[in-house]
Amino acid sequence: MAQGQNGKVDRVKIHMRDGVAYTSGLCICANGWLCPVCSAKIRAKRANEIAVGVASLIMGGGEAWMVTFTVRHAKGHALAELLDALNDAFRRLGNGKIAVREKKATGKIGTINSREITYGKNGWHPHLHVIVCFKEVPDVRELAIMMGRWQRLWMAWTKKHGFPADKAHGVKWDKVMTAEGAGEY
């Protein structure tokens, strides 16, 4: 129950409209990291913002690619160590003279990053979802060079940290074809 504006106690209610259930009378914390209820609402809002932004980019002549990065993991691996390897490896991709040249050559204007952490039979599985945004359709050759460099760096850096990614799952590139796909990513 929550204190209403009129000073009375409001009761939690479940409503149904057009086959969709929703609640009223709940207190919210707005903590997207710890609260499953608020997290779902925040994720949905951000997914919509991303979808709108990517649609605008594409309609304006730009291009976007979704890239998933992961590290090899096994039961018993500490989540903190896996995250350190994941984060350090990703930072390497955007640093240095080659990354600056690559950004200019491809027209890369930025990234939208989202970390996802799941837990399954093989223990913790952190991975990074990145939408790479280009101001225009990148030159095919320059994009291929970028993809190859990211793959090589990722493989080397995750191996150095003791969690070597495999070629099939370490880095996966998918061209964004719809704004909704980018938002759900």
N, C-alpha and C. Protein backbone atom coordinates (compact mmCIF):
# COMPACT_ATOMS: atom_id res chain seq x y z
N MET A 1 0.84 -1.18 0.00
CA MET A 1 0.00 0.00 0.00
C MET A 1 0.88 1.24 0.00
N ALA A 2 0.37 2.28 -0.58
CA ALA A 2 1.12 3.53 -0.66
C ALA A 2 0.24 4.69 -0.21
N GLN A 3 0.88 5.70 0.35
CA GLN A 3 0.17 6.90 0.78
C GLN A 3 -0.23 7.70 -0.44
N GLY A 4 -1.52 7.93 -0.64
CA GLY A 4 -2.00 8.69 -1.78
C GLY A 4 -1.88 10.18 -1.56
N GLN A 5 -2.14 10.95 -2.62
CA GLN A 5 -2.05 12.41 -2.53
C GLN A 5 -3.10 13.00 -1.60
N ASN A 6 -4.22 12.31 -1.46
CA ASN A 6 -5.30 12.81 -0.62
C ASN A 6 -5.12 12.42 0.85
N GLY A 7 -3.98 11.81 1.19
CA GLY A 7 -3.71 11.42 2.57
C GLY A 7 -4.24 10.04 2.92
N LYS A 8 -5.03 9.46 2.04
CA LYS A 8 -5.55 8.12 2.29
C LYS A 8 -4.56 7.09 1.77
N VAL A 9 -4.69 5.88 2.29
CA VAL A 9 -3.84 4.79 1.83
C VAL A 9 -4.44 4.22 0.55
N ASP A 10 -3.64 4.23 -0.52
CA ASP A 10 -4.09 3.64 -1.78
C ASP A 10 -3.75 2.16 -1.76
N ARG A 11 -4.60 1.39 -2.31
CA ARG A 11 -4.35 -0.03 -2.42
C ARG A 11 -3.77 -0.35 -3.79
N VAL A 12 -2.92 -1.37 -3.84
CA VAL A 12 -2.38 -1.83 -5.11
C VAL A 12 -3.52 -2.45 -5.91
N LYS A 13 -3.61 -2.05 -7.16
CA LYS A 13 -4.66 -2.57 -8.03
C LYS A 13 -4.04 -3.11 -9.30
N ILE A 14 -4.65 -4.14 -9.83
CA ILE A 14 -4.24 -4.70 -11.12
C ILE A 14 -5.35 -4.41 -12.10
N HIS A 15 -4.99 -3.81 -13.22
CA HIS A 15 -5.95 -3.41 -14.24
C HIS A 15 -5.67 -4.20 -15.52
N MET A 16 -6.69 -4.29 -16.37
CA MET A 16 -6.53 -4.96 -17.65
C MET A 16 -7.14 -4.07 -18.72
N ARG A 17 -6.35 -3.77 -19.76
CA ARG A 17 -6.84 -2.96 -20.87
C ARG A 17 -6.31 -3.55 -22.16
N ASP A 18 -7.21 -3.88 -23.06
CA ASP A 18 -6.84 -4.43 -24.38
C ASP A 18 -5.92 -5.64 -24.24
N GLY A 19 -6.18 -6.49 -23.26
CA GLY A 19 -5.40 -7.71 -23.08
C GLY A 19 -4.05 -7.51 -22.41
N VAL A 20 -3.78 -6.28 -21.92
CA VAL A 20 -2.51 -5.99 -21.25
C VAL A 20 -2.79 -5.64 -19.79
N ALA A 21 -2.08 -6.32 -18.90
CA ALA A 21 -2.25 -6.06 -17.47
C ALA A 21 -1.25 -5.01 -17.01
N TYR A 22 -1.68 -4.15 -16.10
CA TYR A 22 -0.78 -3.18 -15.49
C TYR A 22 -1.25 -2.92 -14.07
N THR A 23 -0.39 -2.30 -13.27
CA THR A 23 -0.70 -2.06 -11.87
C THR A 23 -0.77 -0.58 -11.56
N SER A 24 -1.42 -0.27 -10.45
CA SER A 24 -1.42 1.09 -9.92
C SER A 24 -1.34 0.99 -8.41
N GLY A 25 -0.93 2.07 -7.78
CA GLY A 25 -0.83 2.09 -6.32
C GLY A 25 0.46 1.53 -5.78
N LEU A 26 1.45 1.33 -6.64
CA LEU A 26 2.73 0.78 -6.20
C LEU A 26 3.72 1.90 -5.88
N CYS A 27 4.57 1.66 -4.92
CA CYS A 27 5.70 2.54 -4.68
C CYS A 27 6.83 2.07 -5.59
N ILE A 28 7.57 3.01 -6.16
CA ILE A 28 8.69 2.61 -7.01
C ILE A 28 9.98 3.17 -6.46
N CYS A 29 11.07 2.50 -6.77
CA CYS A 29 12.38 2.93 -6.27
C CYS A 29 13.23 3.53 -7.38
N ALA A 30 12.92 3.23 -8.64
CA ALA A 30 13.66 3.71 -9.81
C ALA A 30 15.10 3.20 -9.84
N ASN A 31 15.36 2.07 -9.19
CA ASN A 31 16.70 1.49 -9.20
C ASN A 31 16.75 0.42 -10.29
N GLY A 32 17.31 0.79 -11.43
CA GLY A 32 17.38 -0.12 -12.57
C GLY A 32 18.37 -1.25 -12.41
N TRP A 33 19.24 -1.17 -11.40
CA TRP A 33 20.25 -2.21 -11.19
C TRP A 33 19.77 -3.29 -10.23
N LEU A 34 18.93 -2.93 -9.26
CA LEU A 34 18.58 -3.89 -8.23
C LEU A 34 17.11 -4.32 -8.23
N CYS A 35 16.25 -3.49 -8.73
CA CYS A 35 14.81 -3.77 -8.65
C CYS A 35 14.31 -4.37 -9.96
N PRO A 36 13.79 -5.58 -9.93
CA PRO A 36 13.32 -6.20 -11.17
C PRO A 36 12.14 -5.45 -11.81
N VAL A 37 11.28 -4.84 -11.01
CA VAL A 37 10.14 -4.10 -11.55
C VAL A 37 10.61 -2.83 -12.24
N CYS A 38 11.42 -2.04 -11.53
CA CYS A 38 11.91 -0.78 -12.11
C CYS A 38 12.87 -1.04 -13.26
N SER A 39 13.68 -2.09 -13.14
CA SER A 39 14.62 -2.44 -14.19
C SER A 39 13.90 -2.70 -15.50
N ALA A 40 12.81 -3.44 -15.46
CA ALA A 40 12.06 -3.75 -16.67
C ALA A 40 11.50 -2.48 -17.31
N LYS A 41 10.99 -1.58 -16.48
CA LYS A 41 10.43 -0.33 -17.00
C LYS A 41 11.53 0.54 -17.62
N ILE A 42 12.65 0.63 -16.95
CA ILE A 42 13.76 1.45 -17.44
C ILE A 42 14.31 0.87 -18.75
N ARG A 43 14.47 -0.47 -18.79
CA ARG A 43 14.96 -1.12 -20.01
C ARG A 43 14.02 -0.86 -21.18
N ALA A 44 12.72 -0.95 -20.94
CA ALA A 44 11.75 -0.73 -22.01
C ALA A 44 11.84 0.70 -22.54
N LYS A 45 11.98 1.67 -21.64
CA LYS A 45 12.10 3.07 -22.05
C LYS A 45 13.38 3.29 -22.84
N ARG A 46 14.49 2.73 -22.37
CA ARG A 46 15.77 2.90 -23.07
C ARG A 46 15.75 2.20 -24.44
N ALA A 47 15.11 1.04 -24.49
CA ALA A 47 15.02 0.33 -25.78
C ALA A 47 14.27 1.17 -26.79
N ASN A 48 13.22 1.83 -26.35
CA ASN A 48 12.47 2.71 -27.25
C ASN A 48 13.32 3.90 -27.70
N GLU A 49 14.06 4.49 -26.77
CA GLU A 49 14.94 5.62 -27.12
C GLU A 49 15.99 5.20 -28.14
N ILE A 50 16.56 4.01 -27.94
CA ILE A 50 17.56 3.51 -28.88
C ILE A 50 16.93 3.26 -30.25
N ALA A 51 15.76 2.65 -30.26
CA ALA A 51 15.07 2.37 -31.53
C ALA A 51 14.80 3.66 -32.29
N VAL A 52 14.34 4.68 -31.60
CA VAL A 52 14.05 5.97 -32.25
C VAL A 52 15.34 6.60 -32.77
N GLY A 53 16.40 6.57 -31.97
CA GLY A 53 17.68 7.14 -32.39
C GLY A 53 18.29 6.44 -33.58
N VAL A 54 18.25 5.12 -33.56
CA VAL A 54 18.82 4.35 -34.67
C VAL A 54 17.98 4.54 -35.94
N ALA A 55 16.68 4.60 -35.78
CA ALA A 55 15.81 4.84 -36.94
C ALA A 55 16.14 6.19 -37.56
N SER A 56 16.33 7.20 -36.72
CA SER A 56 16.68 8.53 -37.20
C SER A 56 18.03 8.51 -37.93
N LEU A 57 18.99 7.79 -37.37
CA LEU A 57 20.30 7.67 -37.99
C LEU A 57 20.18 7.05 -39.39
N ILE A 58 19.48 5.93 -39.48
CA ILE A 58 19.34 5.22 -40.75
C ILE A 58 18.56 6.06 -41.77
N MET A 59 17.48 6.70 -41.32
CA MET A 59 16.68 7.54 -42.23
C MET A 59 17.49 8.74 -42.73
N GLY A 60 18.48 9.16 -41.96
CA GLY A 60 19.33 10.27 -42.36
C GLY A 60 20.52 9.84 -43.21
N GLY A 61 20.57 8.57 -43.60
CA GLY A 61 21.64 8.09 -44.46
C GLY A 61 22.76 7.37 -43.73
N GLY A 62 22.63 7.23 -42.42
CA GLY A 62 23.65 6.53 -41.64
C GLY A 62 23.43 5.03 -41.64
N GLU A 63 24.28 4.36 -40.89
CA GLU A 63 24.19 2.90 -40.79
C GLU A 63 24.57 2.50 -39.38
N ALA A 64 24.05 1.37 -38.94
CA ALA A 64 24.36 0.86 -37.60
C ALA A 64 24.58 -0.65 -37.66
N TRP A 65 25.50 -1.10 -36.85
CA TRP A 65 25.79 -2.53 -36.72
C TRP A 65 25.71 -2.91 -35.25
N MET A 66 25.12 -4.07 -34.98
CA MET A 66 25.09 -4.61 -33.63
C MET A 66 26.23 -5.60 -33.48
N VAL A 67 27.03 -5.42 -32.46
CA VAL A 67 28.16 -6.29 -32.22
C VAL A 67 28.03 -6.87 -30.81
N THR A 68 28.17 -8.18 -30.69
CA THR A 68 28.15 -8.84 -29.40
C THR A 68 29.55 -9.35 -29.10
N PHE A 69 30.04 -9.04 -27.91
CA PHE A 69 31.35 -9.48 -27.44
C PHE A 69 31.15 -10.39 -26.24
N THR A 70 31.87 -11.49 -26.22
CA THR A 70 31.80 -12.38 -25.07
C THR A 70 33.18 -12.97 -24.79
N VAL A 71 33.33 -13.52 -23.60
CA VAL A 71 34.57 -14.18 -23.21
C VAL A 71 34.24 -15.61 -22.83
N ARG A 72 35.22 -16.49 -22.92
CA ARG A 72 35.02 -17.87 -22.52
C ARG A 72 34.84 -17.90 -21.01
N HIS A 73 33.87 -18.68 -20.56
CA HIS A 73 33.58 -18.75 -19.14
C HIS A 73 33.25 -20.18 -18.76
N ALA A 74 33.45 -20.47 -17.49
CA ALA A 74 33.14 -21.81 -16.98
C ALA A 74 32.67 -21.68 -15.54
N LYS A 75 32.01 -22.70 -15.09
CA LYS A 75 31.55 -22.74 -13.70
C LYS A 75 32.75 -22.49 -12.79
N GLY A 76 32.58 -21.63 -11.82
CA GLY A 76 33.66 -21.34 -10.88
C GLY A 76 34.43 -20.07 -11.19
N HIS A 77 34.29 -19.54 -12.41
CA HIS A 77 34.95 -18.27 -12.73
C HIS A 77 34.27 -17.15 -11.95
N ALA A 78 35.06 -16.28 -11.39
CA ALA A 78 34.52 -15.14 -10.64
C ALA A 78 33.95 -14.10 -11.60
N LEU A 79 32.77 -13.61 -11.30
CA LEU A 79 32.12 -12.62 -12.15
C LEU A 79 32.99 -11.37 -12.29
N ALA A 80 33.59 -10.91 -11.20
CA ALA A 80 34.43 -9.70 -11.25
C ALA A 80 35.58 -9.86 -12.24
N GLU A 81 36.21 -11.02 -12.27
CA GLU A 81 37.32 -11.26 -13.20
C GLU A 81 36.83 -11.31 -14.64
N LEU A 82 35.69 -11.93 -14.85
CA LEU A 82 35.13 -11.99 -16.21
C LEU A 82 34.77 -10.58 -16.70
N LEU A 83 34.17 -9.77 -15.83
CA LEU A 83 33.82 -8.41 -16.21
C LEU A 83 35.05 -7.56 -16.50
N ASP A 84 36.10 -7.74 -15.68
CA ASP A 84 37.35 -7.01 -15.93
C ASP A 84 37.91 -7.35 -17.31
N ALA A 85 37.92 -8.62 -17.64
CA ALA A 85 38.43 -9.05 -18.95
C ALA A 85 37.57 -8.47 -20.07
N LEU A 86 36.27 -8.52 -19.92
CA LEU A 86 35.33 -8.01 -20.92
C LEU A 86 35.53 -6.50 -21.11
N ASN A 87 35.55 -5.76 -20.02
CA ASN A 87 35.65 -4.30 -20.09
C ASN A 87 37.01 -3.85 -20.62
N ASP A 88 38.09 -4.49 -20.14
CA ASP A 88 39.43 -4.11 -20.60
C ASP A 88 39.59 -4.39 -22.09
N ALA A 89 39.10 -5.53 -22.53
CA ALA A 89 39.21 -5.88 -23.95
C ALA A 89 38.45 -4.87 -24.80
N PHE A 90 37.26 -4.48 -24.37
CA PHE A 90 36.48 -3.52 -25.16
C PHE A 90 37.16 -2.15 -25.20
N ARG A 91 37.72 -1.70 -24.08
CA ARG A 91 38.42 -0.42 -24.06
C ARG A 91 39.56 -0.38 -25.07
N ARG A 92 40.24 -1.51 -25.24
CA ARG A 92 41.37 -1.58 -26.18
C ARG A 92 40.94 -1.28 -27.61
N LEU A 93 39.72 -1.63 -27.95
CA LEU A 93 39.25 -1.44 -29.32
C LEU A 93 39.16 0.03 -29.71
N GLY A 94 38.85 0.89 -28.75
CA GLY A 94 38.63 2.30 -29.07
C GLY A 94 39.82 3.20 -28.78
N ASN A 95 40.93 2.64 -28.34
CA ASN A 95 42.10 3.44 -27.97
C ASN A 95 43.23 3.31 -28.99
N GLY A 96 44.00 4.38 -29.11
CA GLY A 96 45.19 4.35 -29.94
C GLY A 96 45.02 5.00 -31.29
N LYS A 97 46.14 5.16 -31.96
CA LYS A 97 46.18 5.83 -33.26
C LYS A 97 45.38 5.07 -34.31
N ILE A 98 45.46 3.74 -34.26
CA ILE A 98 44.74 2.95 -35.26
C ILE A 98 43.23 3.14 -35.10
N ALA A 99 42.75 3.20 -33.87
CA ALA A 99 41.32 3.41 -33.63
C ALA A 99 40.87 4.77 -34.14
N VAL A 100 41.71 5.79 -33.98
CA VAL A 100 41.39 7.13 -34.48
C VAL A 100 41.31 7.11 -36.00
N ARG A 101 42.28 6.45 -36.66
CA ARG A 101 42.27 6.34 -38.12
C ARG A 101 41.04 5.56 -38.59
N GLU A 102 40.75 4.49 -37.87
CA GLU A 102 39.60 3.64 -38.20
C GLU A 102 38.29 4.44 -38.11
N LYS A 103 38.16 5.24 -37.08
CA LYS A 103 36.96 6.07 -36.90
C LYS A 103 36.78 7.01 -38.08
N LYS A 104 37.86 7.64 -38.49
CA LYS A 104 37.80 8.57 -39.62
C LYS A 104 37.51 7.83 -40.93
N ALA A 105 38.16 6.71 -41.15
CA ALA A 105 38.01 5.95 -42.40
C ALA A 105 36.61 5.37 -42.57
N THR A 106 35.98 4.98 -41.46
CA THR A 106 34.65 4.36 -41.55
C THR A 106 33.51 5.35 -41.34
N GLY A 107 33.81 6.51 -40.77
CA GLY A 107 32.75 7.45 -40.44
C GLY A 107 32.02 7.08 -39.17
N LYS A 108 32.69 6.31 -38.32
CA LYS A 108 32.08 5.91 -37.04
C LYS A 108 31.87 7.16 -36.18
N ILE A 109 30.63 7.32 -35.69
CA ILE A 109 30.33 8.49 -34.87
C ILE A 109 30.12 8.14 -33.41
N GLY A 110 30.02 6.87 -33.09
CA GLY A 110 29.87 6.49 -31.69
C GLY A 110 29.30 5.10 -31.51
N THR A 111 29.13 4.75 -30.23
CA THR A 111 28.57 3.44 -29.89
C THR A 111 27.53 3.60 -28.79
N ILE A 112 26.64 2.65 -28.73
CA ILE A 112 25.68 2.52 -27.63
C ILE A 112 25.97 1.16 -27.02
N ASN A 113 26.35 1.15 -25.75
CA ASN A 113 26.81 -0.08 -25.10
C ASN A 113 25.83 -0.55 -24.03
N SER A 114 25.70 -1.86 -23.94
CA SER A 114 24.87 -2.45 -22.90
C SER A 114 25.52 -3.76 -22.44
N ARG A 115 25.77 -3.87 -21.16
CA ARG A 115 26.30 -5.11 -20.60
C ARG A 115 25.15 -5.98 -20.13
N GLU A 116 25.26 -7.25 -20.44
CA GLU A 116 24.26 -8.21 -20.00
C GLU A 116 24.98 -9.33 -19.27
N ILE A 117 24.42 -9.73 -18.14
CA ILE A 117 25.02 -10.79 -17.35
C ILE A 117 23.96 -11.85 -17.09
N THR A 118 24.26 -13.07 -17.52
CA THR A 118 23.35 -14.18 -17.25
C THR A 118 24.12 -15.24 -16.44
N TYR A 119 23.38 -16.18 -15.91
CA TYR A 119 24.00 -17.26 -15.16
C TYR A 119 23.34 -18.56 -15.60
N GLY A 120 24.16 -19.55 -15.94
CA GLY A 120 23.63 -20.82 -16.41
C GLY A 120 24.50 -21.98 -15.98
N LYS A 121 24.37 -23.10 -16.68
CA LYS A 121 25.10 -24.32 -16.30
C LYS A 121 26.61 -24.13 -16.33
N ASN A 122 27.10 -23.17 -17.13
CA ASN A 122 28.54 -22.89 -17.21
C ASN A 122 28.94 -21.68 -16.35
N GLY A 123 28.11 -21.32 -15.39
CA GLY A 123 28.42 -20.21 -14.50
C GLY A 123 28.04 -18.87 -15.09
N TRP A 124 28.72 -17.84 -14.62
CA TRP A 124 28.46 -16.47 -15.07
C TRP A 124 28.80 -16.31 -16.54
N HIS A 125 27.95 -15.57 -17.26
CA HIS A 125 28.18 -15.32 -18.68
C HIS A 125 27.94 -13.83 -18.97
N PRO A 126 28.95 -13.00 -18.72
CA PRO A 126 28.78 -11.59 -19.09
C PRO A 126 29.09 -11.39 -20.57
N HIS A 127 28.34 -10.55 -21.19
CA HIS A 127 28.64 -10.19 -22.56
C HIS A 127 28.25 -8.74 -22.79
N LEU A 128 28.79 -8.19 -23.84
CA LEU A 128 28.61 -6.78 -24.15
C LEU A 128 27.91 -6.66 -25.49
N HIS A 129 26.84 -5.90 -25.50
CA HIS A 129 26.13 -5.60 -26.74
C HIS A 129 26.48 -4.16 -27.11
N VAL A 130 26.90 -3.95 -28.33
CA VAL A 130 27.31 -2.62 -28.78
C VAL A 130 26.64 -2.32 -30.12
N ILE A 131 26.03 -1.16 -30.21
CA ILE A 131 25.55 -0.68 -31.51
C ILE A 131 26.58 0.32 -31.98
N VAL A 132 27.21 0.03 -33.11
CA VAL A 132 28.21 0.91 -33.69
C VAL A 132 27.50 1.76 -34.74
N CYS A 133 27.58 3.09 -34.57
CA CYS A 133 26.86 4.02 -35.43
C CYS A 133 27.82 4.71 -36.40
N PHE A 134 27.42 4.76 -37.66
CA PHE A 134 28.20 5.41 -38.70
C PHE A 134 27.37 6.54 -39.31
N LYS A 135 28.01 7.68 -39.60
CA LYS A 135 27.27 8.84 -40.12
C LYS A 135 26.72 8.58 -41.52
N GLU A 136 27.37 7.66 -42.24
CA GLU A 136 26.90 7.24 -43.57
C GLU A 136 27.31 5.79 -43.76
N VAL A 137 26.85 5.20 -44.83
CA VAL A 137 27.22 3.80 -45.10
C VAL A 137 28.74 3.74 -45.24
N PRO A 138 29.41 2.97 -44.39
CA PRO A 138 30.87 2.93 -44.46
C PRO A 138 31.38 2.21 -45.70
N ASP A 139 32.58 2.58 -46.11
CA ASP A 139 33.26 1.90 -47.20
C ASP A 139 33.41 0.42 -46.81
N VAL A 140 33.03 -0.48 -47.70
CA VAL A 140 33.04 -1.91 -47.41
C VAL A 140 34.44 -2.39 -47.00
N ARG A 141 35.45 -1.95 -47.70
CA ARG A 141 36.82 -2.36 -47.38
C ARG A 141 37.23 -1.87 -45.99
N GLU A 142 36.95 -0.61 -45.69
CA GLU A 142 37.32 -0.04 -44.39
C GLU A 142 36.55 -0.73 -43.25
N LEU A 143 35.28 -1.05 -43.50
CA LEU A 143 34.50 -1.75 -42.49
C LEU A 143 35.06 -3.15 -42.25
N ALA A 144 35.45 -3.82 -43.32
CA ALA A 144 36.04 -5.16 -43.19
C ALA A 144 37.36 -5.10 -42.41
N ILE A 145 38.16 -4.07 -42.66
CA ILE A 145 39.41 -3.91 -41.91
C ILE A 145 39.10 -3.71 -40.42
N MET A 146 38.10 -2.89 -40.14
CA MET A 146 37.70 -2.65 -38.76
C MET A 146 37.23 -3.94 -38.09
N MET A 147 36.38 -4.68 -38.77
CA MET A 147 35.88 -5.94 -38.22
C MET A 147 37.02 -6.90 -37.93
N GLY A 148 37.96 -7.00 -38.85
CA GLY A 148 39.11 -7.90 -38.66
C GLY A 148 39.98 -7.47 -37.49
N ARG A 149 40.23 -6.17 -37.37
CA ARG A 149 41.04 -5.66 -36.26
C ARG A 149 40.37 -5.92 -34.92
N TRP A 150 39.07 -5.67 -34.86
CA TRP A 150 38.34 -5.90 -33.61
C TRP A 150 38.40 -7.38 -33.22
N GLN A 151 38.23 -8.25 -34.21
CA GLN A 151 38.28 -9.70 -33.95
C GLN A 151 39.66 -10.09 -33.42
N ARG A 152 40.73 -9.66 -34.09
CA ARG A 152 42.10 -10.00 -33.65
C ARG A 152 42.40 -9.47 -32.26
N LEU A 153 42.07 -8.20 -32.03
CA LEU A 153 42.33 -7.61 -30.71
C LEU A 153 41.54 -8.31 -29.62
N TRP A 154 40.29 -8.57 -29.91
CA TRP A 154 39.42 -9.23 -28.91
C TRP A 154 39.99 -10.60 -28.53
N MET A 155 40.36 -11.38 -29.54
CA MET A 155 40.89 -12.71 -29.28
C MET A 155 42.19 -12.63 -28.46
N ALA A 156 43.06 -11.72 -28.82
CA ALA A 156 44.34 -11.59 -28.12
C ALA A 156 44.14 -11.08 -26.69
N TRP A 157 43.30 -10.09 -26.52
CA TRP A 157 43.14 -9.48 -25.20
C TRP A 157 42.41 -10.42 -24.23
N THR A 158 41.38 -11.12 -24.70
CA THR A 158 40.68 -12.05 -23.80
C THR A 158 41.58 -13.23 -23.44
N LYS A 159 42.42 -13.66 -24.37
CA LYS A 159 43.38 -14.72 -24.08
C LYS A 159 44.37 -14.25 -23.01
N LYS A 160 44.85 -13.02 -23.14
CA LYS A 160 45.81 -12.47 -22.18
C LYS A 160 45.21 -12.44 -20.77
N HIS A 161 43.91 -12.21 -20.67
CA HIS A 161 43.24 -12.16 -19.37
C HIS A 161 42.86 -13.55 -18.85
N GLY A 162 43.11 -14.58 -19.63
CA GLY A 162 42.81 -15.93 -19.18
C GLY A 162 41.42 -16.43 -19.51
N PHE A 163 40.66 -15.69 -20.33
CA PHE A 163 39.32 -16.09 -20.73
C PHE A 163 39.20 -16.02 -22.25
N PRO A 164 39.99 -16.83 -22.97
CA PRO A 164 40.04 -16.69 -24.43
C PRO A 164 38.70 -16.94 -25.11
N ALA A 165 38.28 -15.95 -25.88
CA ALA A 165 37.04 -16.09 -26.64
C ALA A 165 37.30 -17.03 -27.82
N ASP A 166 36.27 -17.71 -28.27
CA ASP A 166 36.46 -18.53 -29.46
C ASP A 166 35.97 -17.75 -30.68
N LYS A 167 36.46 -18.13 -31.85
CA LYS A 167 36.16 -17.38 -33.07
C LYS A 167 34.67 -17.36 -33.41
N ALA A 168 33.98 -18.42 -33.06
CA ALA A 168 32.56 -18.50 -33.40
C ALA A 168 31.69 -17.59 -32.54
N HIS A 169 32.11 -17.33 -31.29
CA HIS A 169 31.24 -16.58 -30.37
C HIS A 169 31.86 -15.32 -29.80
N GLY A 170 33.15 -15.11 -29.97
CA GLY A 170 33.83 -13.98 -29.34
C GLY A 170 33.33 -12.63 -29.78
N VAL A 171 33.24 -12.44 -31.11
CA VAL A 171 32.77 -11.18 -31.68
C VAL A 171 31.78 -11.51 -32.79
N LYS A 172 30.57 -11.00 -32.69
CA LYS A 172 29.55 -11.29 -33.70
C LYS A 172 28.97 -9.97 -34.20
N TRP A 173 29.06 -9.75 -35.50
CA TRP A 173 28.56 -8.52 -36.14
C TRP A 173 27.25 -8.81 -36.87
N ASP A 174 26.24 -7.95 -36.68
CA ASP A 174 24.98 -8.03 -37.41
C ASP A 174 24.57 -6.62 -37.83
N LYS A 175 24.28 -6.45 -39.10
CA LYS A 175 23.82 -5.14 -39.57
C LYS A 175 22.42 -4.87 -39.03
N VAL A 176 22.19 -3.67 -38.56
CA VAL A 176 20.87 -3.28 -38.06
C VAL A 176 19.96 -3.05 -39.27
N MET A 177 18.90 -3.81 -39.32
CA MET A 177 17.97 -3.69 -40.44
C MET A 177 16.69 -2.95 -40.03
N THR A 178 16.34 -3.01 -38.73
CA THR A 178 15.16 -2.31 -38.24
C THR A 178 15.50 -1.61 -36.93
N ALA A 179 14.83 -0.53 -36.67
CA ALA A 179 15.02 0.20 -35.42
C ALA A 179 14.59 -0.64 -34.23
N GLU A 180 13.53 -1.41 -34.39
CA GLU A 180 13.05 -2.25 -33.29
C GLU A 180 14.11 -3.27 -32.90
N GLY A 181 14.80 -3.81 -33.89
CA GLY A 181 15.86 -4.77 -33.61
C GLY A 181 16.96 -4.16 -32.76
N ALA A 182 17.30 -2.92 -33.04
CA ALA A 182 18.33 -2.24 -32.25
C ALA A 182 17.86 -2.02 -30.83
N GLY A 183 16.60 -1.65 -30.66
CA GLY A 183 16.06 -1.40 -29.33
C GLY A 183 15.98 -2.67 -28.49
N GLU A 184 15.64 -3.78 -29.12
CA GLU A 184 15.54 -5.06 -28.39
C GLU A 184 16.91 -5.62 -28.08
N TYR A 185 17.89 -5.23 -28.84
CA TYR A 185 19.25 -5.74 -28.67
C TYR A 185 19.78 -5.41 -27.30
